[in-house]
């Protein structure tokens, strides 16, 4: 996967010339347009939707979080239809040829707690505890997203202590208090259930 700008810089050609060349290669079946300014080689191997994430928001970083991250960690079994991303960019839906992405804006001071997925360097993902707190953070705001969770399965490695530390870092005290209450409810349910 690559961008028009990258290819233009490598080839020394203008953006318009590069775009014309890429459109020709697309007609020839060599490459295909994933999203505005983002291209991929045509291959027999199925391209992972996650591979486009580093290219989606020029000038902003984004990491997989919320329901998508919880699913990748096995905490939620249900497969999300849309890949959920946390970013400091504005909230929006991005539809590409290989997947749909829901970008949720979080406060810049709370934009942290992510790592490279399986240390591959292909995309950033929230640590499990941060993914849960990010979800609760959004549910406490006006839109009430992620206010309901399906069954949650926490691995032994999941640290509720670490999750509580993330709650303390939420810049808005009203939201922080609301998130703490929801986390306490999840903890109570976990105490009653067998995982």
N, C-alpha and C. Protein backbone atom coordinates (compact mmCIF):
# COMPACT_ATOMS: atom_id res chain seq x y z
N UNK A 1 0.84 -1.18 0.00
CA UNK A 1 0.00 0.00 0.00
C UNK A 1 0.89 1.24 0.00
N UNK A 2 0.44 2.27 -0.70
CA UNK A 2 1.24 3.49 -0.81
C UNK A 2 0.33 4.65 -1.18
N UNK A 3 0.85 5.88 -1.08
CA UNK A 3 0.06 7.06 -1.42
C UNK A 3 0.58 7.69 -2.72
N UNK A 4 -0.28 8.47 -3.32
CA UNK A 4 0.10 9.21 -4.54
C UNK A 4 1.29 10.11 -4.23
N UNK A 5 1.25 10.77 -3.07
CA UNK A 5 2.33 11.69 -2.67
C UNK A 5 3.67 10.97 -2.55
N UNK A 6 3.65 9.77 -1.94
CA UNK A 6 4.89 9.00 -1.79
C UNK A 6 5.48 8.66 -3.15
N UNK A 7 4.62 8.17 -4.05
CA UNK A 7 5.10 7.78 -5.38
C UNK A 7 5.59 8.99 -6.17
N UNK A 8 4.91 10.11 -6.01
CA UNK A 8 5.30 11.35 -6.67
C UNK A 8 6.69 11.79 -6.20
N UNK A 9 6.93 11.71 -4.89
CA UNK A 9 8.22 12.09 -4.32
C UNK A 9 9.33 11.15 -4.79
N UNK A 10 9.03 9.84 -4.83
CA UNK A 10 10.03 8.85 -5.27
C UNK A 10 10.39 9.01 -6.75
N UNK A 11 9.36 9.27 -7.55
CA UNK A 11 9.59 9.33 -9.00
C UNK A 11 10.06 10.69 -9.48
N UNK A 12 9.83 11.72 -8.65
CA UNK A 12 10.20 13.07 -9.06
C UNK A 12 9.19 13.67 -10.03
N UNK A 13 8.07 13.01 -10.23
CA UNK A 13 7.01 13.50 -11.13
C UNK A 13 5.99 14.31 -10.33
N UNK A 14 5.23 15.14 -11.02
CA UNK A 14 4.20 15.94 -10.34
C UNK A 14 3.07 15.02 -9.86
N UNK A 15 2.26 15.55 -8.94
CA UNK A 15 1.12 14.78 -8.42
C UNK A 15 0.14 14.43 -9.53
N UNK A 16 -0.11 15.37 -10.45
CA UNK A 16 -1.08 15.11 -11.52
C UNK A 16 -0.57 14.04 -12.48
N UNK A 17 0.73 14.08 -12.81
CA UNK A 17 1.32 13.06 -13.69
C UNK A 17 1.28 11.69 -13.01
N UNK A 18 1.61 11.66 -11.72
CA UNK A 18 1.59 10.41 -10.94
C UNK A 18 0.18 9.84 -10.89
N UNK A 19 -0.81 10.71 -10.66
CA UNK A 19 -2.21 10.27 -10.59
C UNK A 19 -2.65 9.68 -11.93
N UNK A 20 -2.28 10.33 -13.03
CA UNK A 20 -2.62 9.82 -14.37
C UNK A 20 -2.00 8.44 -14.59
N UNK A 21 -0.74 8.28 -14.18
CA UNK A 21 -0.04 7.00 -14.34
C UNK A 21 -0.73 5.91 -13.49
N UNK A 22 -1.14 6.27 -12.28
CA UNK A 22 -1.81 5.31 -11.39
C UNK A 22 -3.18 4.92 -11.94
N UNK A 23 -3.89 5.89 -12.50
CA UNK A 23 -5.20 5.59 -13.11
C UNK A 23 -5.03 4.63 -14.29
N UNK A 24 -3.95 4.82 -15.07
CA UNK A 24 -3.65 3.91 -16.19
C UNK A 24 -3.36 2.51 -15.64
N UNK A 25 -2.52 2.43 -14.58
CA UNK A 25 -2.18 1.13 -13.99
C UNK A 25 -3.41 0.44 -13.38
N UNK A 26 -4.36 1.25 -12.90
CA UNK A 26 -5.60 0.68 -12.37
C UNK A 26 -6.42 0.05 -13.50
N UNK A 27 -6.50 0.74 -14.62
CA UNK A 27 -7.22 0.20 -15.79
C UNK A 27 -6.57 -1.09 -16.29
N UNK A 28 -5.25 -1.18 -16.11
CA UNK A 28 -4.50 -2.37 -16.54
C UNK A 28 -4.58 -3.50 -15.51
N UNK A 29 -5.18 -3.22 -14.36
CA UNK A 29 -5.33 -4.24 -13.32
C UNK A 29 -4.10 -4.48 -12.47
N UNK A 30 -3.19 -3.49 -12.42
CA UNK A 30 -1.95 -3.63 -11.65
C UNK A 30 -2.14 -3.11 -10.22
N UNK A 31 -2.84 -1.98 -10.09
CA UNK A 31 -3.10 -1.38 -8.78
C UNK A 31 -4.60 -1.07 -8.67
N UNK A 32 -5.05 -0.76 -7.46
CA UNK A 32 -6.42 -0.26 -7.31
C UNK A 32 -6.45 0.82 -6.24
N UNK A 33 -7.41 1.73 -6.40
CA UNK A 33 -7.54 2.85 -5.47
C UNK A 33 -8.32 2.40 -4.25
N UNK A 34 -7.69 2.49 -3.08
CA UNK A 34 -8.30 2.09 -1.82
C UNK A 34 -9.19 3.22 -1.28
N UNK A 35 -8.63 4.43 -1.33
CA UNK A 35 -9.30 5.62 -0.84
C UNK A 35 -8.59 6.81 -1.46
N UNK A 36 -9.09 8.02 -1.27
CA UNK A 36 -8.46 9.20 -1.86
C UNK A 36 -6.96 9.23 -1.62
N UNK A 37 -6.18 9.16 -2.69
CA UNK A 37 -4.73 9.25 -2.59
C UNK A 37 -4.03 8.02 -2.04
N UNK A 38 -4.79 6.93 -1.81
CA UNK A 38 -4.21 5.69 -1.26
C UNK A 38 -4.43 4.56 -2.26
N UNK A 39 -3.36 3.86 -2.58
CA UNK A 39 -3.39 2.80 -3.60
C UNK A 39 -2.80 1.52 -3.05
N UNK A 40 -3.14 0.41 -3.70
CA UNK A 40 -2.55 -0.88 -3.32
C UNK A 40 -2.33 -1.70 -4.59
N UNK A 41 -1.35 -2.57 -4.51
CA UNK A 41 -1.09 -3.48 -5.63
C UNK A 41 -2.18 -4.54 -5.67
N UNK A 42 -2.57 -4.93 -6.86
CA UNK A 42 -3.53 -6.02 -7.01
C UNK A 42 -2.77 -7.32 -6.73
N UNK A 43 -3.31 -8.13 -5.83
CA UNK A 43 -2.63 -9.36 -5.42
C UNK A 43 -3.66 -10.44 -5.17
N UNK A 44 -3.20 -11.69 -5.21
CA UNK A 44 -4.11 -12.82 -4.90
C UNK A 44 -4.42 -12.86 -3.42
N UNK A 45 -3.49 -12.34 -2.61
CA UNK A 45 -3.70 -12.31 -1.16
C UNK A 45 -4.67 -11.21 -0.80
N UNK A 46 -5.59 -11.53 0.11
CA UNK A 46 -6.58 -10.54 0.54
C UNK A 46 -5.89 -9.50 1.42
N UNK A 47 -6.13 -8.25 1.10
CA UNK A 47 -5.52 -7.15 1.84
C UNK A 47 -6.29 -6.92 3.14
N UNK A 48 -5.58 -6.83 4.25
CA UNK A 48 -6.22 -6.57 5.54
C UNK A 48 -6.67 -5.11 5.60
N UNK A 49 -7.89 -4.91 6.06
CA UNK A 49 -8.41 -3.55 6.21
C UNK A 49 -7.55 -2.74 7.19
N UNK A 50 -6.95 -3.44 8.15
CA UNK A 50 -6.13 -2.75 9.15
C UNK A 50 -4.87 -2.11 8.54
N UNK A 51 -4.42 -2.63 7.40
CA UNK A 51 -3.20 -2.12 6.78
C UNK A 51 -3.33 -0.69 6.24
N UNK A 52 -4.56 -0.23 6.04
CA UNK A 52 -4.77 1.13 5.50
C UNK A 52 -4.75 2.20 6.60
N UNK A 53 -4.90 1.79 7.86
CA UNK A 53 -5.03 2.75 8.97
C UNK A 53 -3.94 3.82 9.00
N UNK A 54 -2.65 3.47 8.88
CA UNK A 54 -1.63 4.52 8.96
C UNK A 54 -1.74 5.59 7.86
N UNK A 55 -2.48 5.31 6.79
CA UNK A 55 -2.60 6.24 5.67
C UNK A 55 -3.87 7.10 5.71
N UNK A 56 -4.83 6.73 6.55
CA UNK A 56 -6.17 7.33 6.50
C UNK A 56 -6.25 8.80 6.91
N UNK A 57 -5.49 9.19 7.89
CA UNK A 57 -5.63 10.55 8.44
C UNK A 57 -4.30 11.30 8.36
N UNK A 58 -3.98 11.85 7.19
CA UNK A 58 -2.70 12.57 7.06
C UNK A 58 -2.62 13.71 8.08
N UNK A 59 -1.50 13.78 8.77
CA UNK A 59 -1.32 14.82 9.78
C UNK A 59 -1.85 14.44 11.15
N UNK A 60 -2.50 13.29 11.25
CA UNK A 60 -3.01 12.81 12.55
C UNK A 60 -2.67 11.34 12.71
N UNK A 61 -2.42 10.95 13.95
CA UNK A 61 -2.23 9.52 14.23
C UNK A 61 -3.57 8.94 14.65
N UNK A 62 -3.73 7.66 14.46
CA UNK A 62 -4.95 6.98 14.88
C UNK A 62 -4.56 5.59 15.38
N UNK A 63 -5.30 5.11 16.35
CA UNK A 63 -5.06 3.75 16.81
C UNK A 63 -6.39 3.01 16.92
N UNK A 64 -6.35 1.70 16.70
CA UNK A 64 -7.54 0.86 16.83
C UNK A 64 -7.90 0.81 18.31
N UNK A 65 -9.17 1.08 18.61
CA UNK A 65 -9.61 1.05 20.00
C UNK A 65 -11.07 0.65 20.07
N UNK A 66 -11.68 0.89 21.22
CA UNK A 66 -13.10 0.63 21.44
C UNK A 66 -13.44 -0.84 21.14
N UNK A 67 -14.56 -1.06 20.48
CA UNK A 67 -15.06 -2.42 20.23
C UNK A 67 -14.08 -3.23 19.37
N UNK A 68 -13.47 -2.60 18.37
CA UNK A 68 -12.55 -3.33 17.47
C UNK A 68 -11.36 -3.89 18.23
N UNK A 69 -10.76 -3.08 19.10
CA UNK A 69 -9.61 -3.55 19.88
C UNK A 69 -10.04 -4.64 20.86
N UNK A 70 -11.19 -4.43 21.51
CA UNK A 70 -11.67 -5.44 22.47
C UNK A 70 -11.90 -6.78 21.76
N UNK A 71 -12.38 -6.72 20.50
CA UNK A 71 -12.57 -7.96 19.73
C UNK A 71 -11.22 -8.61 19.39
N UNK A 72 -10.25 -7.81 18.95
CA UNK A 72 -8.93 -8.37 18.60
C UNK A 72 -8.25 -9.02 19.81
N UNK A 73 -8.55 -8.53 21.01
CA UNK A 73 -7.99 -9.12 22.23
C UNK A 73 -8.82 -10.29 22.75
N UNK A 74 -9.96 -10.59 22.11
CA UNK A 74 -10.80 -11.70 22.53
C UNK A 74 -11.70 -11.37 23.72
N UNK A 75 -11.80 -10.09 24.09
CA UNK A 75 -12.63 -9.69 25.22
C UNK A 75 -14.11 -9.66 24.79
N UNK A 76 -14.33 -9.34 23.52
CA UNK A 76 -15.67 -9.38 22.93
C UNK A 76 -15.62 -10.36 21.75
N UNK A 77 -16.56 -11.29 21.70
CA UNK A 77 -16.57 -12.28 20.62
C UNK A 77 -17.15 -11.73 19.33
N UNK A 78 -18.16 -10.86 19.46
CA UNK A 78 -18.86 -10.32 18.31
C UNK A 78 -17.89 -9.56 17.39
N UNK A 79 -17.93 -9.87 16.08
CA UNK A 79 -17.04 -9.22 15.12
C UNK A 79 -17.67 -7.89 14.69
N UNK A 80 -16.99 -6.77 14.96
CA UNK A 80 -17.56 -5.48 14.56
C UNK A 80 -17.58 -5.33 13.03
N UNK A 81 -18.65 -4.74 12.51
CA UNK A 81 -18.76 -4.52 11.06
C UNK A 81 -17.90 -3.34 10.61
N UNK A 82 -17.62 -2.45 11.55
CA UNK A 82 -16.85 -1.23 11.27
C UNK A 82 -15.62 -1.24 12.18
N UNK A 83 -14.48 -0.82 11.67
CA UNK A 83 -13.26 -0.74 12.50
C UNK A 83 -13.27 0.61 13.21
N UNK A 84 -13.19 0.57 14.55
CA UNK A 84 -13.27 1.79 15.34
C UNK A 84 -11.87 2.30 15.70
N UNK A 85 -11.66 3.59 15.43
CA UNK A 85 -10.36 4.21 15.65
C UNK A 85 -10.47 5.39 16.60
N UNK A 86 -9.45 5.59 17.41
CA UNK A 86 -9.33 6.78 18.26
C UNK A 86 -8.32 7.70 17.60
N UNK A 87 -8.62 8.99 17.60
CA UNK A 87 -7.72 9.96 17.00
C UNK A 87 -7.98 11.33 17.59
N UNK A 88 -7.07 12.27 17.33
CA UNK A 88 -7.33 13.66 17.71
C UNK A 88 -8.01 14.39 16.55
N UNK A 89 -8.17 13.70 15.43
CA UNK A 89 -8.88 14.27 14.27
C UNK A 89 -10.38 14.28 14.56
N UNK A 90 -11.14 15.00 13.74
CA UNK A 90 -12.58 15.07 13.95
C UNK A 90 -13.26 13.72 13.75
N UNK A 91 -14.33 13.50 14.49
CA UNK A 91 -15.12 12.28 14.39
C UNK A 91 -15.74 12.19 13.00
N UNK A 92 -15.58 11.03 12.35
CA UNK A 92 -16.16 10.83 11.02
C UNK A 92 -16.15 9.37 10.64
N UNK A 93 -16.89 9.05 9.58
CA UNK A 93 -16.90 7.70 9.01
C UNK A 93 -16.10 7.77 7.71
N UNK A 94 -15.19 6.82 7.53
CA UNK A 94 -14.41 6.74 6.29
C UNK A 94 -14.70 5.40 5.63
N UNK A 95 -15.22 5.44 4.42
CA UNK A 95 -15.50 4.21 3.68
C UNK A 95 -14.45 4.03 2.59
N UNK A 96 -13.76 2.89 2.65
CA UNK A 96 -12.74 2.58 1.65
C UNK A 96 -13.15 1.31 0.91
N UNK A 97 -12.35 0.95 -0.10
CA UNK A 97 -12.64 -0.28 -0.85
C UNK A 97 -12.44 -1.55 -0.03
N UNK A 98 -11.66 -1.43 1.08
CA UNK A 98 -11.36 -2.64 1.85
C UNK A 98 -11.94 -2.63 3.27
N UNK A 99 -12.69 -1.60 3.62
CA UNK A 99 -13.30 -1.56 4.95
C UNK A 99 -13.85 -0.20 5.29
N UNK A 100 -14.72 -0.19 6.32
CA UNK A 100 -15.29 1.06 6.81
C UNK A 100 -14.71 1.35 8.19
N UNK A 101 -14.35 2.61 8.39
CA UNK A 101 -13.70 3.02 9.63
C UNK A 101 -14.51 4.12 10.31
N UNK A 102 -14.68 3.99 11.61
CA UNK A 102 -15.37 5.01 12.39
C UNK A 102 -14.32 5.67 13.28
N UNK A 103 -14.02 6.93 12.97
CA UNK A 103 -13.00 7.68 13.71
C UNK A 103 -13.69 8.46 14.83
N UNK A 104 -13.21 8.28 16.06
CA UNK A 104 -13.78 8.98 17.21
C UNK A 104 -12.72 9.89 17.81
N UNK A 105 -13.07 11.15 17.94
CA UNK A 105 -12.13 12.12 18.49
C UNK A 105 -12.06 11.98 20.01
N UNK A 106 -10.83 11.92 20.51
CA UNK A 106 -10.63 11.94 21.96
C UNK A 106 -9.70 13.10 22.29
N UNK A 107 -9.75 13.57 23.52
CA UNK A 107 -8.92 14.71 23.93
C UNK A 107 -7.44 14.41 23.69
N UNK A 108 -6.69 15.38 23.14
CA UNK A 108 -5.26 15.14 22.88
C UNK A 108 -4.49 14.64 24.11
N UNK A 109 -4.85 15.14 25.30
CA UNK A 109 -4.15 14.72 26.52
C UNK A 109 -4.47 13.27 26.91
N UNK A 110 -5.53 12.71 26.31
CA UNK A 110 -5.94 11.33 26.60
C UNK A 110 -5.55 10.38 25.46
N UNK A 111 -4.87 10.94 24.44
CA UNK A 111 -4.45 10.16 23.28
C UNK A 111 -3.14 9.45 23.61
N UNK A 112 -3.26 8.29 24.20
CA UNK A 112 -2.09 7.54 24.70
C UNK A 112 -2.53 6.11 24.98
N UNK A 113 -1.59 5.29 25.43
CA UNK A 113 -1.94 3.92 25.83
C UNK A 113 -2.09 2.95 24.67
N UNK A 114 -1.31 3.17 23.61
CA UNK A 114 -1.39 2.28 22.45
C UNK A 114 -0.01 1.71 22.12
N UNK A 115 -0.01 0.59 21.43
CA UNK A 115 1.21 -0.12 21.06
C UNK A 115 1.08 -0.60 19.61
N UNK A 116 2.16 -1.10 19.05
CA UNK A 116 2.06 -1.71 17.72
C UNK A 116 1.39 -3.07 17.87
N UNK A 117 0.44 -3.38 17.01
CA UNK A 117 -0.29 -4.65 17.09
C UNK A 117 0.65 -5.84 16.94
N UNK A 118 0.68 -6.69 17.93
CA UNK A 118 1.55 -7.88 17.95
C UNK A 118 2.99 -7.54 17.59
N UNK A 119 3.37 -6.30 17.89
CA UNK A 119 4.73 -5.79 17.63
C UNK A 119 5.15 -5.91 16.17
N UNK A 120 4.15 -5.91 15.26
CA UNK A 120 4.47 -6.05 13.83
C UNK A 120 4.79 -4.71 13.19
N UNK A 121 4.31 -3.63 13.80
CA UNK A 121 4.53 -2.32 13.21
C UNK A 121 3.57 -1.99 12.10
N UNK A 122 2.52 -2.81 11.89
CA UNK A 122 1.60 -2.54 10.80
C UNK A 122 0.52 -1.53 11.17
N UNK A 123 0.04 -1.54 12.43
CA UNK A 123 -0.91 -0.52 12.89
C UNK A 123 -0.87 -0.43 14.41
N UNK A 124 -1.33 0.70 14.92
CA UNK A 124 -1.35 0.92 16.37
C UNK A 124 -2.68 0.46 16.95
N UNK A 125 -2.62 -0.08 18.16
CA UNK A 125 -3.82 -0.56 18.85
C UNK A 125 -3.73 -0.17 20.33
N UNK A 126 -4.88 0.17 20.90
CA UNK A 126 -4.92 0.47 22.34
C UNK A 126 -4.58 -0.78 23.13
N UNK A 127 -3.91 -0.61 24.25
CA UNK A 127 -3.73 -1.73 25.16
C UNK A 127 -5.12 -2.13 25.63
N UNK A 128 -5.34 -3.39 26.05
CA UNK A 128 -6.69 -3.85 26.39
C UNK A 128 -7.42 -2.95 27.40
N UNK A 129 -6.70 -2.54 28.45
CA UNK A 129 -7.30 -1.71 29.48
C UNK A 129 -7.72 -0.34 28.93
N UNK A 130 -6.87 0.22 28.07
CA UNK A 130 -7.18 1.54 27.48
C UNK A 130 -8.36 1.42 26.51
N UNK A 131 -8.45 0.31 25.77
CA UNK A 131 -9.57 0.10 24.84
C UNK A 131 -10.90 0.09 25.59
N UNK A 132 -10.92 -0.57 26.75
CA UNK A 132 -12.14 -0.60 27.55
C UNK A 132 -12.47 0.80 28.08
N UNK A 133 -11.47 1.50 28.61
CA UNK A 133 -11.70 2.84 29.15
C UNK A 133 -12.07 3.82 28.03
N UNK A 134 -11.45 3.69 26.86
CA UNK A 134 -11.83 4.54 25.72
C UNK A 134 -13.32 4.35 25.40
N UNK A 135 -13.79 3.10 25.42
CA UNK A 135 -15.19 2.80 25.13
C UNK A 135 -16.11 3.45 26.17
N UNK A 136 -15.73 3.33 27.43
CA UNK A 136 -16.52 3.92 28.51
C UNK A 136 -16.49 5.45 28.43
N UNK A 137 -15.33 5.98 28.03
CA UNK A 137 -15.14 7.44 27.85
C UNK A 137 -16.13 7.97 26.81
N UNK A 138 -16.22 7.27 25.68
CA UNK A 138 -17.16 7.71 24.64
C UNK A 138 -18.61 7.55 25.09
N UNK A 139 -18.89 6.48 25.80
CA UNK A 139 -20.28 6.24 26.25
C UNK A 139 -20.72 7.30 27.25
N UNK A 140 -19.78 7.92 27.95
CA UNK A 140 -20.11 8.95 28.94
C UNK A 140 -20.32 10.33 28.30
N UNK A 141 -19.94 10.45 27.04
CA UNK A 141 -20.12 11.73 26.36
C UNK A 141 -21.50 11.79 25.71
N UNK A 142 -21.82 12.88 25.06
CA UNK A 142 -23.18 13.13 24.58
C UNK A 142 -23.78 12.06 23.69
N UNK A 143 -23.00 11.49 22.80
CA UNK A 143 -23.57 10.56 21.82
C UNK A 143 -23.96 9.20 22.39
N UNK A 144 -23.47 8.89 23.56
CA UNK A 144 -23.80 7.62 24.24
C UNK A 144 -23.40 6.38 23.43
N UNK A 145 -22.33 6.48 22.63
CA UNK A 145 -21.86 5.30 21.91
C UNK A 145 -21.27 4.30 22.89
N UNK A 146 -21.33 3.04 22.53
CA UNK A 146 -20.78 1.97 23.35
C UNK A 146 -21.38 1.95 24.76
N UNK A 147 -22.66 2.34 24.86
CA UNK A 147 -23.29 2.33 26.19
C UNK A 147 -23.72 0.92 26.58
N UNK A 148 -23.77 0.01 25.59
CA UNK A 148 -24.10 -1.38 25.90
C UNK A 148 -23.00 -2.28 25.36
N UNK A 149 -22.53 -3.21 26.19
CA UNK A 149 -21.53 -4.19 25.76
C UNK A 149 -22.17 -5.57 25.70
N UNK A 150 -21.79 -6.34 24.69
CA UNK A 150 -22.18 -7.76 24.75
C UNK A 150 -21.36 -8.41 25.87
N UNK A 151 -21.42 -9.71 25.98
CA UNK A 151 -20.68 -10.44 27.02
C UNK A 151 -19.18 -10.09 26.94
N UNK A 152 -18.58 -9.81 28.09
CA UNK A 152 -17.15 -9.48 28.15
C UNK A 152 -16.38 -10.64 28.77
N UNK A 153 -15.29 -11.03 28.14
CA UNK A 153 -14.43 -12.14 28.63
C UNK A 153 -13.04 -11.57 28.89
N UNK A 154 -12.71 -11.38 30.15
CA UNK A 154 -11.41 -10.78 30.48
C UNK A 154 -10.35 -11.85 30.70
N UNK A 155 -9.23 -11.77 29.96
CA UNK A 155 -8.14 -12.73 30.21
C UNK A 155 -7.49 -12.43 31.57
N UNK A 156 -6.76 -13.38 32.10
CA UNK A 156 -6.11 -13.19 33.40
C UNK A 156 -5.12 -12.02 33.36
N UNK A 157 -4.57 -11.76 32.18
CA UNK A 157 -3.58 -10.69 32.05
C UNK A 157 -4.21 -9.29 32.13
N UNK A 158 -5.55 -9.20 32.02
CA UNK A 158 -6.22 -7.89 32.05
C UNK A 158 -6.11 -7.30 33.45
N UNK A 159 -5.67 -6.04 33.53
CA UNK A 159 -5.47 -5.38 34.82
C UNK A 159 -6.51 -4.29 35.06
N UNK A 160 -7.43 -4.55 35.98
CA UNK A 160 -8.43 -3.53 36.32
C UNK A 160 -7.76 -2.36 37.05
N UNK A 161 -6.66 -2.64 37.70
CA UNK A 161 -5.90 -1.57 38.37
C UNK A 161 -5.39 -0.59 37.31
N UNK A 162 -4.87 -1.14 36.21
CA UNK A 162 -4.36 -0.31 35.12
C UNK A 162 -5.51 0.48 34.49
N UNK A 163 -6.67 -0.16 34.33
CA UNK A 163 -7.85 0.51 33.76
C UNK A 163 -8.24 1.70 34.64
N UNK A 164 -8.20 1.51 35.97
CA UNK A 164 -8.55 2.60 36.90
C UNK A 164 -7.56 3.76 36.79
N UNK A 165 -6.30 3.43 36.53
CA UNK A 165 -5.28 4.49 36.34
C UNK A 165 -5.62 5.33 35.11
N UNK A 166 -6.11 4.66 34.05
CA UNK A 166 -6.50 5.38 32.83
C UNK A 166 -7.70 6.29 33.11
N UNK A 167 -8.63 5.82 33.92
CA UNK A 167 -9.82 6.63 34.25
C UNK A 167 -9.38 7.94 34.92
N UNK A 168 -8.38 7.86 35.79
CA UNK A 168 -7.88 9.05 36.50
C UNK A 168 -7.28 10.08 35.53
N UNK A 169 -6.85 9.62 34.35
CA UNK A 169 -6.20 10.52 33.38
C UNK A 169 -7.20 11.23 32.46
N UNK A 170 -8.49 10.88 32.57
CA UNK A 170 -9.50 11.55 31.75
C UNK A 170 -9.56 13.02 32.19
N UNK A 171 -9.36 13.96 31.24
CA UNK A 171 -9.25 15.37 31.63
C UNK A 171 -10.52 15.99 32.22
N UNK A 172 -11.69 15.51 31.83
CA UNK A 172 -12.96 16.05 32.32
C UNK A 172 -13.41 15.26 33.55
N UNK A 173 -13.49 15.91 34.71
CA UNK A 173 -13.79 15.20 35.97
C UNK A 173 -15.19 14.58 35.97
N UNK A 174 -16.16 15.22 35.30
CA UNK A 174 -17.52 14.69 35.24
C UNK A 174 -17.54 13.37 34.45
N UNK A 175 -16.83 13.37 33.31
CA UNK A 175 -16.74 12.16 32.48
C UNK A 175 -15.96 11.08 33.23
N UNK A 176 -14.88 11.48 33.88
CA UNK A 176 -14.06 10.54 34.65
C UNK A 176 -14.89 9.83 35.72
N UNK A 177 -15.72 10.58 36.42
CA UNK A 177 -16.57 10.02 37.46
C UNK A 177 -17.58 9.02 36.88
N UNK A 178 -18.17 9.39 35.74
CA UNK A 178 -19.14 8.52 35.06
C UNK A 178 -18.48 7.22 34.59
N UNK A 179 -17.27 7.34 34.04
CA UNK A 179 -16.52 6.17 33.56
C UNK A 179 -16.16 5.26 34.73
N UNK A 180 -15.77 5.85 35.87
CA UNK A 180 -15.42 5.05 37.05
C UNK A 180 -16.61 4.23 37.52
N UNK A 181 -17.81 4.83 37.50
CA UNK A 181 -19.03 4.12 37.91
C UNK A 181 -19.30 2.94 36.98
N UNK A 182 -19.14 3.15 35.68
CA UNK A 182 -19.39 2.07 34.72
C UNK A 182 -18.36 0.96 34.87
N UNK A 183 -17.10 1.34 35.14
CA UNK A 183 -16.04 0.35 35.35
C UNK A 183 -16.34 -0.47 36.61
N UNK A 184 -16.81 0.19 37.65
CA UNK A 184 -17.17 -0.51 38.88
C UNK A 184 -18.29 -1.53 38.63
N UNK A 185 -19.27 -1.13 37.81
CA UNK A 185 -20.38 -2.03 37.46
C UNK A 185 -19.87 -3.27 36.73
N UNK A 186 -18.93 -3.05 35.79
CA UNK A 186 -18.34 -4.18 35.04
C UNK A 186 -17.59 -5.10 36.00
N UNK A 187 -16.86 -4.50 36.94
CA UNK A 187 -16.11 -5.28 37.93
C UNK A 187 -17.04 -6.11 38.80
N UNK A 188 -18.18 -5.53 39.21
CA UNK A 188 -19.15 -6.25 40.02
C UNK A 188 -19.71 -7.45 39.25
N UNK A 189 -20.03 -7.23 37.97
CA UNK A 189 -20.56 -8.31 37.13
C UNK A 189 -19.52 -9.40 36.95
N UNK A 190 -18.26 -8.97 36.80
CA UNK A 190 -17.17 -9.93 36.62
C UNK A 190 -17.03 -10.80 37.87
N UNK A 191 -17.24 -10.19 39.04
CA UNK A 191 -17.16 -10.92 40.31
C UNK A 191 -18.24 -11.99 40.42
N UNK A 192 -19.40 -11.72 39.77
CA UNK A 192 -20.51 -12.67 39.84
C UNK A 192 -20.40 -13.75 38.77
N UNK A 193 -19.68 -13.46 37.70
CA UNK A 193 -19.59 -14.41 36.58
C UNK A 193 -18.30 -15.22 36.70
N UNK A 194 -18.25 -16.32 35.99
CA UNK A 194 -17.01 -17.10 35.94
C UNK A 194 -16.40 -16.91 34.57
N UNK A 195 -15.15 -16.51 34.54
CA UNK A 195 -14.45 -16.24 33.27
C UNK A 195 -13.32 -17.22 33.10
